PDB file of N, CA and C in Angstrom:
ATOM      1  N   MET A   1       0.840  -1.163   0.000  1.00  0.00           N
ATOM      2  CA  MET A   1       0.000   0.000   0.000  1.00  0.00           C
ATOM      3  C   MET A   1       0.897   1.242   0.000  1.00  0.00           C
ATOM      4  N   ASP A   2       0.613   2.170  -0.892  1.00  0.00           N
ATOM      5  CA  ASP A   2       1.396   3.392  -0.978  1.00  0.00           C
ATOM      6  C   ASP A   2       1.018   4.348   0.143  1.00  0.00           C
ATOM      7  N   LYS A   3       2.041   4.976   0.719  1.00  0.00           N
ATOM      8  CA  LYS A   3       1.786   5.984   1.736  1.00  0.00           C
ATOM      9  C   LYS A   3       1.608   7.327   1.041  1.00  0.00           C
ATOM     10  N   THR A   4       0.637   8.072   1.483  1.00  0.00           N
ATOM     11  CA  THR A   4       0.394   9.383   0.900  1.00  0.00           C
ATOM     12  C   THR A   4       0.774  10.459   1.894  1.00  0.00           C
ATOM     13  N   LYS A   5       1.147  11.605   1.351  1.00  0.00           N
ATOM     14  CA  LYS A   5       1.498  12.732   2.197  1.00  0.00           C
ATOM     15  C   LYS A   5       0.229  13.426   2.683  1.00  0.00           C
ATOM     16  N   ILE A   6       0.313  14.021   3.844  1.00  0.00           N
ATOM     17  CA  ILE A   6      -0.787  14.826   4.358  1.00  0.00           C
ATOM     18  C   ILE A   6      -0.672  16.201   3.712  1.00  0.00           C
ATOM     19  N   GLN A   7      -1.779  16.708   3.200  1.00  0.00           N
ATOM     20  CA  GLN A   7      -1.764  17.968   2.469  1.00  0.00           C
ATOM     21  C   GLN A   7      -1.276  19.120   3.347  1.00  0.00           C
ATOM     22  N   PRO A   8      -0.449  20.009   2.798  1.00  0.00           N
ATOM     23  CA  PRO A   8       0.061  21.144   3.578  1.00  0.00           C
ATOM     24  C   PRO A   8      -1.042  22.064   4.097  1.00  0.00           C
ATOM     25  N   LEU A   9      -2.134  22.185   3.350  1.00  0.00           N
ATOM     26  CA  LEU A   9      -3.237  23.030   3.802  1.00  0.00           C
ATOM     27  C   LEU A   9      -3.843  22.483   5.094  1.00  0.00           C
ATOM     28  N   ILE A  10      -3.936  21.183   5.204  1.00  0.00           N
ATOM     29  CA  ILE A  10      -4.458  20.569   6.427  1.00  0.00           C
ATOM     30  C   ILE A  10      -3.520  20.847   7.597  1.00  0.00           C
ATOM     31  N   LEU A  11      -2.213  20.801   7.348  1.00  0.00           N
ATOM     32  CA  LEU A  11      -1.251  21.097   8.411  1.00  0.00           C
ATOM     33  C   LEU A  11      -1.342  22.559   8.846  1.00  0.00           C
ATOM     34  N   ILE A  12      -1.565  23.459   7.895  1.00  0.00           N
ATOM     35  CA  ILE A  12      -1.732  24.878   8.238  1.00  0.00           C
ATOM     36  C   ILE A  12      -2.998  25.071   9.061  1.00  0.00           C
ATOM     37  N   ILE A  13      -4.067  24.378   8.692  1.00  0.00           N
ATOM     38  CA  ILE A  13      -5.321  24.478   9.441  1.00  0.00           C
ATOM     39  C   ILE A  13      -5.139  23.949  10.862  1.00  0.00           C
ATOM     40  N   LEU A  14      -4.372  22.874  11.026  1.00  0.00           N
ATOM     41  CA  LEU A  14      -4.098  22.356  12.369  1.00  0.00           C
ATOM     42  C   LEU A  14      -3.338  23.380  13.204  1.00  0.00           C
ATOM     43  N   LEU A  15      -2.387  24.082  12.587  1.00  0.00           N
ATOM     44  CA  LEU A  15      -1.642  25.115  13.300  1.00  0.00           C
ATOM     45  C   LEU A  15      -2.560  26.253  13.729  1.00  0.00           C
ATOM     46  N   ILE A  16      -3.429  26.694  12.831  1.00  0.00           N
ATOM     47  CA  ILE A  16      -4.366  27.771  13.159  1.00  0.00           C
ATOM     48  C   ILE A  16      -5.308  27.338  14.274  1.00  0.00           C
ATOM     49  N   ASN A  17      -5.797  26.101  14.213  1.00  0.00           N
ATOM     50  CA  ASN A  17      -6.684  25.596  15.264  1.00  0.00           C
ATOM     51  C   ASN A  17      -5.967  25.518  16.607  1.00  0.00           C
ATOM     52  N   ALA A  18      -4.707  25.096  16.604  1.00  0.00           N
ATOM     53  CA  ALA A  18      -3.946  25.010  17.850  1.00  0.00           C
ATOM     54  C   ALA A  18      -3.759  26.397  18.457  1.00  0.00           C
ATOM     55  N   LEU A  19      -3.439  27.380  17.616  1.00  0.00           N
ATOM     56  CA  LEU A  19      -3.285  28.746  18.120  1.00  0.00           C
ATOM     57  C   LEU A  19      -4.602  29.287  18.673  1.00  0.00           C
ATOM     58  N   THR A  20      -5.697  28.998  17.988  1.00  0.00           N
ATOM     59  CA  THR A  20      -7.007  29.450  18.448  1.00  0.00           C
ATOM     60  C   THR A  20      -7.373  28.817  19.785  1.00  0.00           C
ATOM     61  N   MET A  21      -7.125  27.527  19.929  1.00  0.00           N
ATOM     62  CA  MET A  21      -7.428  26.857  21.192  1.00  0.00           C
ATOM     63  C   MET A  21      -6.560  27.410  22.325  1.00  0.00           C
ATOM     64  N   GLY A  22      -5.311  27.731  22.024  1.00  0.00           N
ATOM     65  CA  GLY A  22      -4.441  28.335  23.030  1.00  0.00           C
ATOM     66  C   GLY A  22      -4.945  29.696  23.474  1.00  0.00           C
ATOM     67  N   MET A  23      -5.405  30.500  22.514  1.00  0.00           N
ATOM     68  CA  MET A  23      -5.939  31.822  22.864  1.00  0.00           C
ATOM     69  C   MET A  23      -7.237  31.701  23.655  1.00  0.00           C
ATOM     70  N   LEU A  24      -8.084  30.753  23.268  1.00  0.00           N
ATOM     71  CA  LEU A  24      -9.323  30.547  24.024  1.00  0.00           C
ATOM     72  C   LEU A  24      -9.025  30.059  25.443  1.00  0.00           C
ATOM     73  N   ALA A  25      -8.014  29.212  25.586  1.00  0.00           N
ATOM     74  CA  ALA A  25      -7.632  28.743  26.922  1.00  0.00           C
ATOM     75  C   ALA A  25      -7.171  29.913  27.775  1.00  0.00           C
ATOM     76  N   HIS A  26      -6.413  30.812  27.179  1.00  0.00           N
ATOM     77  CA  HIS A  26      -5.943  31.984  27.924  1.00  0.00           C
ATOM     78  C   HIS A  26      -7.115  32.878  28.328  1.00  0.00           C
ATOM     79  N   ASP A  27      -8.052  33.105  27.409  1.00  0.00           N
ATOM     80  CA  ASP A  27      -9.222  33.926  27.723  1.00  0.00           C
ATOM     81  C   ASP A  27     -10.051  33.311  28.845  1.00  0.00           C
ATOM     82  N   MET A  28     -10.266  32.013  28.787  1.00  0.00           N
ATOM     83  CA  MET A  28     -11.059  31.354  29.822  1.00  0.00           C
ATOM     84  C   MET A  28     -10.329  31.352  31.165  1.00  0.00           C
ATOM     85  N   TYR A  29      -9.008  31.258  31.125  1.00  0.00           N
ATOM     86  CA  TYR A  29      -8.238  31.276  32.370  1.00  0.00           C
ATOM     87  C   TYR A  29      -8.320  32.647  33.030  1.00  0.00           C
ATOM     88  N   THR A  30      -8.289  33.715  32.232  1.00  0.00           N
ATOM     89  CA  THR A  30      -8.383  35.058  32.813  1.00  0.00           C
ATOM     90  C   THR A  30      -9.771  35.324  33.379  1.00  0.00           C
ATOM     91  N   GLU A  31     -10.783  34.607  32.885  1.00  0.00           N
ATOM     92  CA  GLU A  31     -12.140  34.743  33.412  1.00  0.00           C
ATOM     93  C   GLU A  31     -12.415  33.754  34.545  1.00  0.00           C
ATOM     94  N   ASN A  32     -11.366  33.063  35.026  1.00  0.00           N
ATOM     95  CA  ASN A  32     -11.457  32.089  36.121  1.00  0.00           C
ATOM     96  C   ASN A  32     -12.392  30.922  35.800  1.00  0.00           C
ATOM     97  N   LYS A  33     -12.403  30.499  34.558  1.00  0.00           N
ATOM     98  CA  LYS A  33     -13.164  29.316  34.142  1.00  0.00           C
ATOM     99  C   LYS A  33     -12.153  28.215  33.852  1.00  0.00           C
ATOM    100  N   THR A  34     -11.703  27.558  34.913  1.00  0.00           N
ATOM    101  CA  THR A  34     -10.605  26.600  34.764  1.00  0.00           C
ATOM    102  C   THR A  34     -11.017  25.342  34.004  1.00  0.00           C
ATOM    103  N   GLY A  35     -12.270  24.942  34.097  1.00  0.00           N
ATOM    104  CA  GLY A  35     -12.719  23.755  33.367  1.00  0.00           C
ATOM    105  C   GLY A  35     -12.604  23.950  31.865  1.00  0.00           C
ATOM    106  N   TYR A  36     -13.124  25.077  31.389  1.00  0.00           N
ATOM    107  CA  TYR A  36     -12.999  25.385  29.964  1.00  0.00           C
ATOM    108  C   TYR A  36     -11.538  25.572  29.578  1.00  0.00           C
ATOM    109  N   SER A  37     -10.783  26.201  30.454  1.00  0.00           N
ATOM    110  CA  SER A  37      -9.369  26.447  30.180  1.00  0.00           C
ATOM    111  C   SER A  37      -8.610  25.139  29.992  1.00  0.00           C
ATOM    112  N   LEU A  38      -8.830  24.182  30.872  1.00  0.00           N
ATOM    113  CA  LEU A  38      -8.151  22.888  30.752  1.00  0.00           C
ATOM    114  C   LEU A  38      -8.589  22.133  29.498  1.00  0.00           C
ATOM    115  N   THR A  39      -9.867  22.261  29.150  1.00  0.00           N
ATOM    116  CA  THR A  39     -10.363  21.617  27.936  1.00  0.00           C
ATOM    117  C   THR A  39      -9.670  22.179  26.702  1.00  0.00           C
ATOM    118  N   PHE A  40      -9.568  23.502  26.629  1.00  0.00           N
ATOM    119  CA  PHE A  40      -8.931  24.122  25.470  1.00  0.00           C
ATOM    120  C   PHE A  40      -7.429  23.869  25.442  1.00  0.00           C
ATOM    121  N   ILE A  41      -6.799  23.756  26.597  1.00  0.00           N
ATOM    122  CA  ILE A  41      -5.376  23.397  26.634  1.00  0.00           C
ATOM    123  C   ILE A  41      -5.188  21.981  26.093  1.00  0.00           C
ATOM    124  N   GLY A  42      -6.081  21.076  26.491  1.00  0.00           N
ATOM    125  CA  GLY A  42      -6.013  19.708  25.976  1.00  0.00           C
ATOM    126  C   GLY A  42      -6.180  19.658  24.467  1.00  0.00           C
ATOM    127  N   LEU A  43      -7.136  20.424  23.946  1.00  0.00           N
ATOM    128  CA  LEU A  43      -7.333  20.466  22.497  1.00  0.00           C
ATOM    129  C   LEU A  43      -6.133  21.082  21.787  1.00  0.00           C
ATOM    130  N   CYS A  44      -5.547  22.106  22.386  1.00  0.00           N
ATOM    131  CA  CYS A  44      -4.362  22.744  21.806  1.00  0.00           C
ATOM    132  C   CYS A  44      -3.217  21.740  21.699  1.00  0.00           C
ATOM    133  N   ILE A  45      -2.975  21.004  22.758  1.00  0.00           N
ATOM    134  CA  ILE A  45      -1.910  19.992  22.747  1.00  0.00           C
ATOM    135  C   ILE A  45      -2.224  18.902  21.726  1.00  0.00           C
ATOM    136  N   PHE A  46      -3.486  18.500  21.656  1.00  0.00           N
ATOM    137  CA  PHE A  46      -3.927  17.483  20.702  1.00  0.00           C
ATOM    138  C   PHE A  46      -3.630  17.915  19.260  1.00  0.00           C
ATOM    139  N   PHE A  47      -3.978  19.160  18.917  1.00  0.00           N
ATOM    140  CA  PHE A  47      -3.734  19.659  17.565  1.00  0.00           C
ATOM    141  C   PHE A  47      -2.243  19.817  17.281  1.00  0.00           C
ATOM    142  N   ILE A  48      -1.466  20.217  18.274  1.00  0.00           N
ATOM    143  CA  ILE A  48      -0.017  20.338  18.081  1.00  0.00           C
ATOM    144  C   ILE A  48       0.601  18.964  17.829  1.00  0.00           C
ATOM    145  N   LEU A  49       0.130  17.952  18.552  1.00  0.00           N
ATOM    146  CA  LEU A  49       0.643  16.600  18.329  1.00  0.00           C
ATOM    147  C   LEU A  49       0.285  16.083  16.936  1.00  0.00           C
ATOM    148  N   PHE A  50      -0.945  16.361  16.486  1.00  0.00           N
ATOM    149  CA  PHE A  50      -1.325  15.977  15.125  1.00  0.00           C
ATOM    150  C   PHE A  50      -0.470  16.695  14.086  1.00  0.00           C
ATOM    151  N   LEU A  51      -0.178  17.967  14.332  1.00  0.00           N
ATOM    152  CA  LEU A  51       0.665  18.729  13.415  1.00  0.00           C
ATOM    153  C   LEU A  51       2.065  18.131  13.350  1.00  0.00           C
ATOM    154  N   ALA A  52       2.631  17.809  14.499  1.00  0.00           N
ATOM    155  CA  ALA A  52       3.970  17.208  14.531  1.00  0.00           C
ATOM    156  C   ALA A  52       3.965  15.855  13.824  1.00  0.00           C
ATOM    157  N   TYR A  53       2.930  15.053  14.056  1.00  0.00           N
ATOM    158  CA  TYR A  53       2.821  13.756  13.378  1.00  0.00           C
ATOM    159  C   TYR A  53       2.759  13.939  11.862  1.00  0.00           C
ATOM    160  N   GLY A  54       1.982  14.909  11.415  1.00  0.00           N
ATOM    161  CA  GLY A  54       1.866  15.158   9.981  1.00  0.00           C
ATOM    162  C   GLY A  54       3.177  15.586   9.359  1.00  0.00           C
ATOM    163  N   LEU A  55       3.915  16.451  10.044  1.00  0.00           N
ATOM    164  CA  LEU A  55       5.209  16.892   9.520  1.00  0.00           C
ATOM    165  C   LEU A  55       6.205  15.738   9.460  1.00  0.00           C
ATOM    166  N   ILE A  56       6.234  14.926  10.513  1.00  0.00           N
ATOM    167  CA  ILE A  56       7.150  13.778  10.533  1.00  0.00           C
ATOM    168  C   ILE A  56       6.762  12.771   9.458  1.00  0.00           C
ATOM    169  N   ARG A  57       5.470  12.518   9.314  1.00  0.00           N
ATOM    170  CA  ARG A  57       5.009  11.563   8.300  1.00  0.00           C
ATOM    171  C   ARG A  57       5.364  12.042   6.898  1.00  0.00           C
ATOM    172  N   ASN A  58       5.144  13.331   6.625  1.00  0.00           N
ATOM    173  CA  ASN A  58       5.473  13.858   5.298  1.00  0.00           C
ATOM    174  C   ASN A  58       6.964  13.749   5.013  1.00  0.00           C
ATOM    175  N   ARG A  59       7.789  13.987   6.021  1.00  0.00           N
ATOM    176  CA  ARG A  59       9.235  13.884   5.831  1.00  0.00           C
ATOM    177  C   ARG A  59       9.632  12.440   5.528  1.00  0.00           C
ATOM    178  N   ARG A  60       9.045  11.488   6.253  1.00  0.00           N
ATOM    179  CA  ARG A  60       9.371  10.072   6.020  1.00  0.00           C
ATOM    180  C   ARG A  60       8.894   9.599   4.650  1.00  0.00           C
ATOM    181  N   VAL A  61       7.708  10.031   4.245  1.00  0.00           N
ATOM    182  CA  VAL A  61       7.199   9.642   2.930  1.00  0.00           C
ATOM    183  C   VAL A  61       8.084  10.238   1.841  1.00  0.00           C
ATOM    184  N   LYS A  62       8.504  11.480   2.029  1.00  0.00           N
ATOM    185  CA  LYS A  62       9.373  12.130   1.044  1.00  0.00           C
ATOM    186  C   LYS A  62      10.707  11.397   0.929  1.00  0.00           C
ATOM    187  N   GLN A  63      11.261  10.954   2.065  1.00  0.00           N
ATOM    188  CA  GLN A  63      12.536  10.238   2.034  1.00  0.00           C
ATOM    189  C   GLN A  63      12.388   8.851   1.420  1.00  0.00           C
ATOM    190  N   SER A  64      11.253   8.203   1.620  1.00  0.00           N
ATOM    191  CA  SER A  64      11.067   6.859   1.066  1.00  0.00           C
ATOM    192  C   SER A  64      10.840   6.896  -0.444  1.00  0.00           C
ATOM    193  N   ILE A  65      10.371   8.013  -0.961  1.00  0.00           N
ATOM    194  CA  ILE A  65      10.158   8.141  -2.402  1.00  0.00           C
ATOM    195  C   ILE A  65      11.498   8.233  -3.123  1.00  0.00           C
ATOM    196  N   ARG A  66      12.464   8.892  -2.509  1.00  0.00           N
ATOM    197  CA  ARG A  66      13.777   9.091  -3.145  1.00  0.00           C
ATOM    198  C   ARG A  66      14.581   7.854  -3.210  1.00  0.00           C
TER     199      ARG A  66
END
């Protein structure tokens, strides 16, 4: 089975989503809503991990093609 690269636009969207979740976590923390803050921090970390996985996967697929 051929491995396909993850589209760069999807990786950019993951970065934007991670930044948005981080900003929302900060806003909720300043309003003393720790439950929402922790939820958005978790989502931010989740999106950052997906972004890192996508970058690593694309690099490995690119190296295996050569």
